[in-house]
N, C-alpha and C. Protein backbone atom coordinates (compact mmCIF):
# COMPACT_ATOMS: atom_id res chain seq x y z
N MET A 1 27.27 21.31 -22.42
CA MET A 1 26.44 19.62 -22.81
C MET A 1 26.13 19.66 -24.67
N ARG A 2 25.87 18.72 -25.20
CA ARG A 2 25.54 18.66 -26.10
C ARG A 2 23.76 18.52 -25.81
N LEU A 3 22.66 18.85 -26.34
CA LEU A 3 21.10 18.71 -26.60
C LEU A 3 21.09 17.55 -28.09
N VAL A 4 19.89 16.60 -27.54
CA VAL A 4 19.75 16.49 -29.25
C VAL A 4 18.34 15.49 -29.15
N ILE A 5 17.57 16.20 -29.51
CA ILE A 5 15.91 16.04 -29.55
C ILE A 5 15.64 16.03 -30.82
N THR A 6 15.30 14.03 -30.83
CA THR A 6 14.69 13.23 -32.59
C THR A 6 13.44 13.11 -32.20
N THR A 7 12.73 13.39 -33.39
CA THR A 7 11.46 12.44 -33.64
C THR A 7 11.63 11.04 -34.19
N PRO A 8 10.67 10.66 -34.49
CA PRO A 8 10.97 9.60 -35.52
C PRO A 8 11.20 9.78 -37.08
N ALA A 9 11.18 11.06 -37.66
CA ALA A 9 11.49 11.86 -38.96
C ALA A 9 12.19 12.74 -38.81
N SER A 10 13.07 13.16 -38.00
CA SER A 10 14.01 14.15 -38.29
C SER A 10 14.89 14.31 -36.91
N VAL A 11 15.51 15.31 -36.41
CA VAL A 11 16.11 15.85 -36.00
C VAL A 11 15.52 17.18 -35.76
N LEU A 12 14.59 17.23 -34.31
CA LEU A 12 14.67 18.72 -34.34
C LEU A 12 15.29 19.63 -33.22
N VAL A 13 16.42 19.25 -32.57
CA VAL A 13 17.34 19.89 -31.35
C VAL A 13 18.74 19.18 -31.48
N ASP A 14 19.97 19.94 -32.61
CA ASP A 14 21.42 19.88 -31.63
C ASP A 14 22.39 20.39 -31.70
N ALA A 15 21.89 20.74 -30.30
CA ALA A 15 22.37 22.08 -29.67
C ALA A 15 23.64 21.26 -29.19
N ALA A 16 24.89 22.59 -29.73
CA ALA A 16 25.86 22.09 -28.39
C ALA A 16 26.68 22.81 -27.70
N ASP A 17 26.12 23.80 -27.05
CA ASP A 17 26.34 24.40 -25.88
C ASP A 17 25.28 24.62 -24.53
N VAL A 18 24.35 23.98 -24.20
CA VAL A 18 23.95 23.54 -23.28
C VAL A 18 23.59 23.70 -21.85
N ARG A 19 23.72 25.19 -21.16
CA ARG A 19 24.06 25.22 -19.63
C ARG A 19 23.77 24.36 -18.82
N SER A 20 22.43 24.49 -18.61
CA SER A 20 21.51 23.67 -18.23
C SER A 20 20.00 23.13 -18.82
N LEU A 21 19.65 22.32 -18.34
CA LEU A 21 18.30 21.62 -18.96
C LEU A 21 17.20 21.32 -17.38
N ARG A 22 15.79 21.41 -18.09
CA ARG A 22 14.90 21.04 -16.64
C ARG A 22 13.97 20.39 -17.41
N ALA A 23 13.04 19.26 -17.37
CA ALA A 23 12.61 18.71 -17.61
C ALA A 23 11.52 17.80 -16.81
N GLU A 24 10.55 16.96 -16.77
CA GLU A 24 9.46 16.00 -15.49
C GLU A 24 9.52 14.78 -16.14
N ASP A 25 9.73 13.94 -15.76
CA ASP A 25 9.68 12.28 -15.57
C ASP A 25 8.01 12.43 -14.53
N ALA A 26 7.86 10.83 -14.03
CA ALA A 26 6.75 10.76 -13.40
C ALA A 26 7.43 11.09 -11.44
N SER A 27 8.92 11.42 -11.45
CA SER A 27 8.93 11.55 -10.00
C SER A 27 9.13 13.19 -9.72
N GLY A 28 9.15 13.81 -10.87
CA GLY A 28 8.40 15.19 -10.91
C GLY A 28 9.71 16.14 -12.24
N TRP A 29 9.85 17.50 -11.26
CA TRP A 29 10.77 18.37 -12.18
C TRP A 29 12.32 17.78 -12.22
N PHE A 30 13.06 17.91 -12.82
CA PHE A 30 14.40 17.67 -12.40
C PHE A 30 15.20 18.69 -13.34
N GLY A 31 16.49 19.01 -12.72
CA GLY A 31 17.10 19.74 -13.69
C GLY A 31 18.90 18.67 -14.26
N ILE A 32 19.13 19.08 -15.09
CA ILE A 32 21.06 18.56 -15.63
C ILE A 32 21.86 19.99 -15.88
N ARG A 33 22.74 19.34 -16.04
CA ARG A 33 23.97 19.99 -15.83
C ARG A 33 25.26 19.59 -16.38
N PRO A 34 26.24 19.90 -16.90
CA PRO A 34 27.32 19.37 -17.38
C PRO A 34 27.66 18.96 -16.29
N GLY A 35 28.49 17.62 -17.23
CA GLY A 35 28.69 16.43 -15.60
C GLY A 35 27.61 15.33 -14.97
N HIS A 36 26.05 15.62 -15.32
CA HIS A 36 25.84 15.30 -14.56
C HIS A 36 25.58 13.30 -14.83
N ALA A 37 25.29 12.25 -13.90
CA ALA A 37 25.29 11.47 -14.08
C ALA A 37 24.94 10.62 -14.50
N ASP A 38 25.14 9.46 -15.15
CA ASP A 38 24.13 9.03 -16.01
C ASP A 38 22.89 8.53 -15.83
N LEU A 39 21.98 8.57 -16.75
CA LEU A 39 20.20 8.68 -16.13
C LEU A 39 19.75 8.39 -17.74
N LEU A 40 18.69 7.56 -17.36
CA LEU A 40 17.69 7.11 -18.23
C LEU A 40 16.53 7.54 -17.42
N THR A 41 15.36 8.11 -18.12
CA THR A 41 14.42 8.34 -17.74
C THR A 41 13.05 8.58 -18.56
N VAL A 42 11.30 8.01 -18.22
CA VAL A 42 11.04 8.52 -19.29
C VAL A 42 10.11 9.57 -19.20
N LEU A 43 10.21 10.18 -19.87
CA LEU A 43 9.23 11.86 -19.83
C LEU A 43 8.24 12.33 -19.75
N GLN A 44 7.33 12.92 -18.90
CA GLN A 44 6.14 13.24 -18.93
C GLN A 44 5.57 13.87 -20.36
N PRO A 45 4.43 14.25 -20.54
CA PRO A 45 4.03 15.32 -21.56
C PRO A 45 3.56 16.34 -20.80
N SER A 46 4.90 17.20 -21.02
CA SER A 46 5.30 18.75 -21.03
C SER A 46 6.05 19.64 -21.67
N VAL A 47 6.67 20.28 -21.11
CA VAL A 47 7.38 21.48 -21.74
C VAL A 47 9.26 21.33 -20.94
N MET A 48 9.41 21.14 -22.14
CA MET A 48 10.73 20.77 -21.38
C MET A 48 11.85 22.46 -21.92
N SER A 49 12.19 22.88 -20.70
CA SER A 49 12.97 23.64 -21.16
C SER A 49 15.30 24.11 -21.29
N TRP A 50 15.10 24.92 -21.23
CA TRP A 50 17.03 24.92 -21.60
C TRP A 50 17.82 26.10 -21.78
N VAL A 51 19.04 26.03 -21.52
CA VAL A 51 19.99 27.45 -21.63
C VAL A 51 21.23 27.40 -22.55
N GLU A 52 20.99 27.92 -23.27
CA GLU A 52 21.69 27.58 -24.63
C GLU A 52 23.57 28.73 -24.16
N GLY A 53 24.89 28.32 -24.60
CA GLY A 53 25.55 29.45 -24.12
C GLY A 53 25.56 30.67 -24.35
N ASP A 54 24.80 31.37 -24.82
CA ASP A 54 24.20 32.53 -25.33
C ASP A 54 23.16 33.00 -24.22
N GLU A 55 22.94 32.56 -23.56
CA GLU A 55 21.96 32.59 -22.04
C GLU A 55 20.81 32.75 -22.86
N ARG A 56 20.65 31.88 -23.62
CA ARG A 56 18.91 32.03 -24.44
C ARG A 56 18.12 31.24 -23.82
N GLU A 57 16.88 31.42 -23.53
CA GLU A 57 16.21 30.12 -23.26
C GLU A 57 15.38 29.41 -24.18
N ARG A 58 15.47 27.74 -24.34
CA ARG A 58 14.17 27.67 -25.68
C ARG A 58 13.90 26.70 -24.80
N PHE A 59 13.11 26.12 -25.66
CA PHE A 59 11.40 25.39 -24.98
C PHE A 59 11.30 24.25 -25.73
N ALA A 60 10.35 22.64 -25.43
CA ALA A 60 9.90 22.01 -26.29
C ALA A 60 8.57 20.76 -25.87
N ALA A 61 7.83 21.59 -26.49
CA ALA A 61 6.25 21.07 -25.84
C ALA A 61 6.50 19.42 -26.75
N LEU A 62 6.88 18.19 -25.36
CA LEU A 62 6.88 17.06 -25.20
C LEU A 62 5.61 16.74 -25.74
N ARG A 63 5.62 15.67 -26.35
CA ARG A 63 4.14 14.58 -25.95
C ARG A 63 5.43 13.06 -25.23
N GLY A 64 4.98 13.37 -24.18
CA GLY A 64 6.15 12.56 -23.66
C GLY A 64 7.81 11.67 -24.15
N GLY A 65 8.42 11.12 -24.14
CA GLY A 65 9.84 10.52 -24.82
C GLY A 65 10.23 9.73 -23.54
N VAL A 66 11.51 9.57 -24.13
CA VAL A 66 12.56 9.02 -22.80
C VAL A 66 13.90 9.70 -22.85
N LEU A 67 14.15 10.31 -21.64
CA LEU A 67 16.16 11.14 -22.08
C LEU A 67 16.82 10.89 -21.11
N THR A 68 18.46 10.31 -22.19
CA THR A 68 19.56 9.41 -21.50
C THR A 68 20.10 10.59 -21.30
N VAL A 69 21.21 10.42 -20.10
CA VAL A 69 22.39 11.51 -20.38
C VAL A 69 23.62 10.58 -20.24
N ARG A 70 24.52 10.78 -21.17
CA ARG A 70 25.43 9.88 -21.42
C ARG A 70 26.91 10.95 -21.16
N GLY A 71 27.86 10.21 -20.08
CA GLY A 71 28.89 10.90 -19.74
C GLY A 71 28.79 12.40 -18.90
N GLY A 72 27.94 12.74 -18.72
CA GLY A 72 27.67 13.87 -18.51
C GLY A 72 27.71 15.25 -19.34
N ALA A 73 27.50 15.06 -21.08
CA ALA A 73 27.76 15.88 -21.81
C ALA A 73 27.44 15.60 -22.77
N VAL A 74 26.18 14.45 -23.20
CA VAL A 74 25.54 14.31 -23.83
C VAL A 74 23.89 13.88 -23.05
N VAL A 75 22.85 14.82 -23.68
CA VAL A 75 21.51 14.44 -23.23
C VAL A 75 20.35 14.20 -24.64
N GLU A 76 19.65 13.39 -24.67
CA GLU A 76 18.84 12.60 -25.80
C GLU A 76 17.89 12.60 -25.49
N VAL A 77 16.91 13.30 -26.28
CA VAL A 77 15.55 13.20 -26.09
C VAL A 77 15.16 12.41 -27.37
N ALA A 78 14.47 12.02 -27.72
CA ALA A 78 13.79 10.21 -28.49
C ALA A 78 12.11 10.46 -28.23
N THR A 79 11.45 11.24 -28.35
CA THR A 79 10.14 11.75 -29.31
C THR A 79 9.07 11.54 -29.29
N ARG A 80 7.70 10.78 -29.36
CA ARG A 80 7.16 10.84 -30.78
C ARG A 80 6.60 12.22 -31.75
N GLU A 81 6.94 13.30 -30.82
CA GLU A 81 6.11 14.53 -31.31
C GLU A 81 6.69 15.35 -30.41
N ALA A 82 7.22 16.62 -30.90
CA ALA A 82 7.72 17.72 -29.91
C ALA A 82 7.57 18.93 -31.07
N PHE A 83 7.08 20.61 -30.08
CA PHE A 83 7.04 21.31 -31.03
C PHE A 83 8.12 22.26 -29.89
N ILE A 84 9.09 22.90 -30.85
CA ILE A 84 10.51 23.68 -30.53
C ILE A 84 9.88 25.46 -30.39
N GLY A 85 10.61 26.22 -29.22
CA GLY A 85 10.42 27.05 -29.65
C GLY A 85 11.02 28.47 -28.60
N ASP A 86 11.74 29.46 -28.49
CA ASP A 86 12.07 30.51 -28.16
C ASP A 86 10.98 30.98 -27.52
N ASP A 87 9.86 31.47 -27.27
CA ASP A 87 8.63 31.91 -26.55
C ASP A 87 7.83 31.19 -26.60
N LEU A 88 6.98 31.47 -25.37
CA LEU A 88 6.06 29.87 -24.15
C LEU A 88 5.01 31.12 -24.99
N ASP A 89 5.06 31.83 -25.30
CA ASP A 89 3.47 31.81 -25.60
C ASP A 89 3.43 31.62 -27.31
N THR A 90 4.26 31.65 -28.33
CA THR A 90 3.88 31.37 -29.21
C THR A 90 4.28 29.65 -29.50
N LEU A 91 4.83 29.09 -28.54
CA LEU A 91 4.58 27.73 -28.82
C LEU A 91 3.37 27.16 -28.33
N GLU A 92 2.65 28.07 -27.31
CA GLU A 92 1.64 27.16 -27.05
C GLU A 92 0.43 27.61 -28.20
N ASP A 93 0.52 29.25 -28.72
CA ASP A 93 -0.16 28.87 -30.62
C ASP A 93 -0.38 27.84 -30.87
N GLU A 94 1.14 27.23 -32.03
CA GLU A 94 1.50 26.04 -32.14
C GLU A 94 0.48 25.18 -31.96
N LEU A 95 1.23 25.28 -30.50
CA LEU A 95 0.76 23.52 -29.71
C LEU A 95 -0.55 23.32 -30.03
N ASN A 96 -1.66 24.92 -29.71
CA ASN A 96 -3.14 24.40 -29.67
C ASN A 96 -3.40 24.38 -31.34
N ALA A 97 -2.52 25.24 -32.04
CA ALA A 97 -3.00 24.71 -33.81
C ALA A 97 -3.09 23.03 -33.87
N ALA A 98 -2.14 22.24 -33.69
CA ALA A 98 -1.45 21.14 -33.76
C ALA A 98 -2.59 20.31 -33.16
N VAL A 99 -3.17 20.27 -31.96
CA VAL A 99 -3.84 20.13 -31.15
C VAL A 99 -5.35 19.50 -31.64
N ALA A 100 -5.32 21.04 -32.48
CA ALA A 100 -6.96 21.37 -33.23
C ALA A 100 -7.42 20.24 -34.41
N ALA A 101 -6.09 20.25 -35.30
CA ALA A 101 -5.65 20.04 -36.28
C ALA A 101 -5.85 18.06 -36.17
N ASP A 102 -4.84 17.96 -35.09
CA ASP A 102 -5.12 16.33 -34.68
C ASP A 102 -6.57 16.19 -34.61
N SER A 103 -7.55 16.99 -33.54
CA SER A 103 -8.26 16.75 -33.65
C SER A 103 -9.44 16.75 -34.89
N ASP A 104 -9.12 17.62 -35.73
CA ASP A 104 -9.96 17.04 -36.90
C ASP A 104 -9.55 16.33 -37.92
N SER A 105 -8.03 15.44 -38.11
CA SER A 105 -7.83 14.55 -38.60
C SER A 105 -8.47 13.14 -37.99
N ARG A 106 -8.80 13.37 -36.41
CA ARG A 106 -9.25 12.45 -35.89
C ARG A 106 -10.30 11.92 -36.19
N ALA A 107 -11.27 12.67 -36.43
CA ALA A 107 -13.02 12.74 -36.86
C ALA A 107 -12.64 12.61 -37.85
N GLU A 108 -12.14 13.25 -39.10
CA GLU A 108 -12.37 12.15 -40.82
C GLU A 108 -12.04 11.32 -40.31
N ALA A 109 -11.36 10.99 -39.86
CA ALA A 109 -10.82 9.16 -39.43
C ALA A 109 -12.05 8.05 -39.37
N ARG A 110 -12.41 9.14 -37.83
CA ARG A 110 -13.45 8.05 -37.34
C ARG A 110 -14.92 7.88 -38.11
N SER A 111 -15.26 9.30 -39.10
CA SER A 111 -16.10 9.23 -39.77
C SER A 111 -16.10 8.38 -41.92
N GLY A 112 -14.36 8.28 -41.90
CA GLY A 112 -14.31 7.57 -42.95
C GLY A 112 -14.30 5.64 -42.49
N HIS A 113 -13.95 5.78 -40.69
CA HIS A 113 -13.75 4.36 -40.38
C HIS A 113 -15.55 3.81 -40.08
N LEU A 114 -16.46 4.97 -40.15
CA LEU A 114 -17.88 4.36 -39.89
C LEU A 114 -18.37 3.88 -41.17
N HIS A 115 -17.94 4.78 -42.25
CA HIS A 115 -18.54 4.61 -43.86
C HIS A 115 -18.00 3.55 -44.61
N LEU A 116 -16.93 3.20 -44.05
CA LEU A 116 -16.36 1.60 -44.59
C LEU A 116 -17.73 0.47 -43.58
N GLU A 117 -17.51 0.76 -42.71
CA GLU A 117 -18.24 -0.29 -40.94
C GLU A 117 -19.72 -0.68 -42.07
N ALA A 118 -20.10 0.51 -42.63
CA ALA A 118 -21.50 0.65 -43.12
C ALA A 118 -21.35 0.44 -44.36
N ALA A 119 -20.08 0.54 -45.29
CA ALA A 119 -19.99 -0.24 -46.59
C ALA A 119 -20.43 -1.81 -45.95
N ALA A 120 -19.39 -2.38 -45.13
CA ALA A 120 -19.43 -3.54 -45.00
C ALA A 120 -20.91 -4.75 -44.49
N ILE A 121 -21.15 -3.92 -43.88
CA ILE A 121 -22.50 -4.51 -43.62
C ILE A 121 -23.47 -4.48 -44.58
N ARG A 122 -23.61 -3.12 -45.55
CA ARG A 122 -24.88 -3.36 -46.34
C ARG A 122 -24.39 -4.54 -47.70
N HIS A 123 -22.70 -4.61 -47.33
CA HIS A 123 -22.74 -5.89 -48.58
C HIS A 123 -22.72 -7.12 -48.00
N LEU A 124 -22.51 -6.94 -46.39
CA LEU A 124 -22.89 -8.59 -46.11
C LEU A 124 -24.30 -8.92 -46.15
N GLN A 125 -25.29 -7.49 -45.94
CA GLN A 125 -26.88 -7.83 -45.85
C GLN A 125 -27.52 -8.17 -47.29
N HIS A 126 -26.76 -7.90 -48.38
CA HIS A 126 -27.42 -8.00 -49.88
C HIS A 126 -26.55 -9.70 -49.81
N TYR A 127 -25.28 -9.74 -50.07
CA TYR A 127 -24.94 -11.50 -49.43
C TYR A 127 -25.75 -12.12 -49.15
N LEU A 128 -26.06 -11.75 -47.46
CA LEU A 128 -27.40 -12.77 -46.96
C LEU A 128 -28.83 -12.39 -47.55
N ASP A 129 -29.10 -12.09 -47.91
CA ASP A 129 -30.29 -11.75 -48.78
C ASP A 129 -30.26 -12.46 -50.25
N ALA A 130 -29.77 -12.64 -51.04
CA ALA A 130 -29.07 -13.96 -51.90
C ALA A 130 -29.24 -14.35 -51.56
N ALA A 131 -28.44 -15.36 -50.83
CA ALA A 131 -28.72 -16.44 -50.10
C ALA A 131 -29.57 -16.66 -49.41
N ARG A 132 -30.06 -16.53 -48.95
CA ARG A 132 -31.80 -16.47 -48.86
C ARG A 132 -32.33 -16.66 -50.01
N GLY A 133 -32.91 -16.07 -50.60
CA GLY A 133 -33.46 -16.42 -51.98
C GLY A 133 -33.25 -17.42 -52.78
N LEU A 134 -31.86 -17.70 -53.10
CA LEU A 134 -31.69 -19.12 -53.23
C LEU A 134 -32.12 -20.45 -52.74
N ASP A 135 -31.94 -20.02 -51.27
CA ASP A 135 -32.84 -21.48 -50.43
C ASP A 135 -34.19 -21.48 -50.77
N ALA A 136 -34.60 -20.45 -50.67
CA ALA A 136 -36.61 -20.02 -51.50
C ALA A 136 -36.64 -20.45 -52.18
N ALA A 137 -35.71 -20.31 -53.48
CA ALA A 137 -36.09 -20.89 -55.00
C ALA A 137 -35.58 -22.31 -54.61
N ARG A 138 -34.53 -23.28 -54.26
CA ARG A 138 -34.67 -24.27 -53.91
C ARG A 138 -35.54 -24.98 -52.54
N GLY A 139 -36.75 -24.14 -52.59
CA GLY A 139 -37.96 -24.90 -51.53
C GLY A 139 -37.35 -24.91 -50.28
N GLY A 140 -36.21 -24.35 -49.72
CA GLY A 140 -36.09 -24.29 -48.91
C GLY A 140 -35.01 -25.10 -47.84
N ARG A 141 -34.65 -25.71 -49.06
CA ARG A 141 -33.57 -26.74 -47.96
C ARG A 141 -32.15 -26.08 -47.33
């Protein structure tokens, strides 16, 4: 079987000789082998595994996605983000580092958003104060 894993930015895996695959959707874990019936399913955030022709097991930590099986010979996975590895421990380390970096960037974004919001409020307050001063100068009209 051929396995293709893609994100919006790149093709992460294009393996031509996959013997079996294991993934998880809302109904639970399932397996796919060559000749599998056509399938379309939404994957849960999970770790998918597959065995290639050289009997090497590989892994993909997925942030959810869509899996399709076509003609029992092609498995395609489209996901927003995935981490690929040959070793679960290394993959876990990469995933933890990515989660920490994502958390840091989200905190920076929240901080930037709060600064913009505060600047907008100060600007509005300055405008309102100027308008009140103009009204006072006109005699409160």
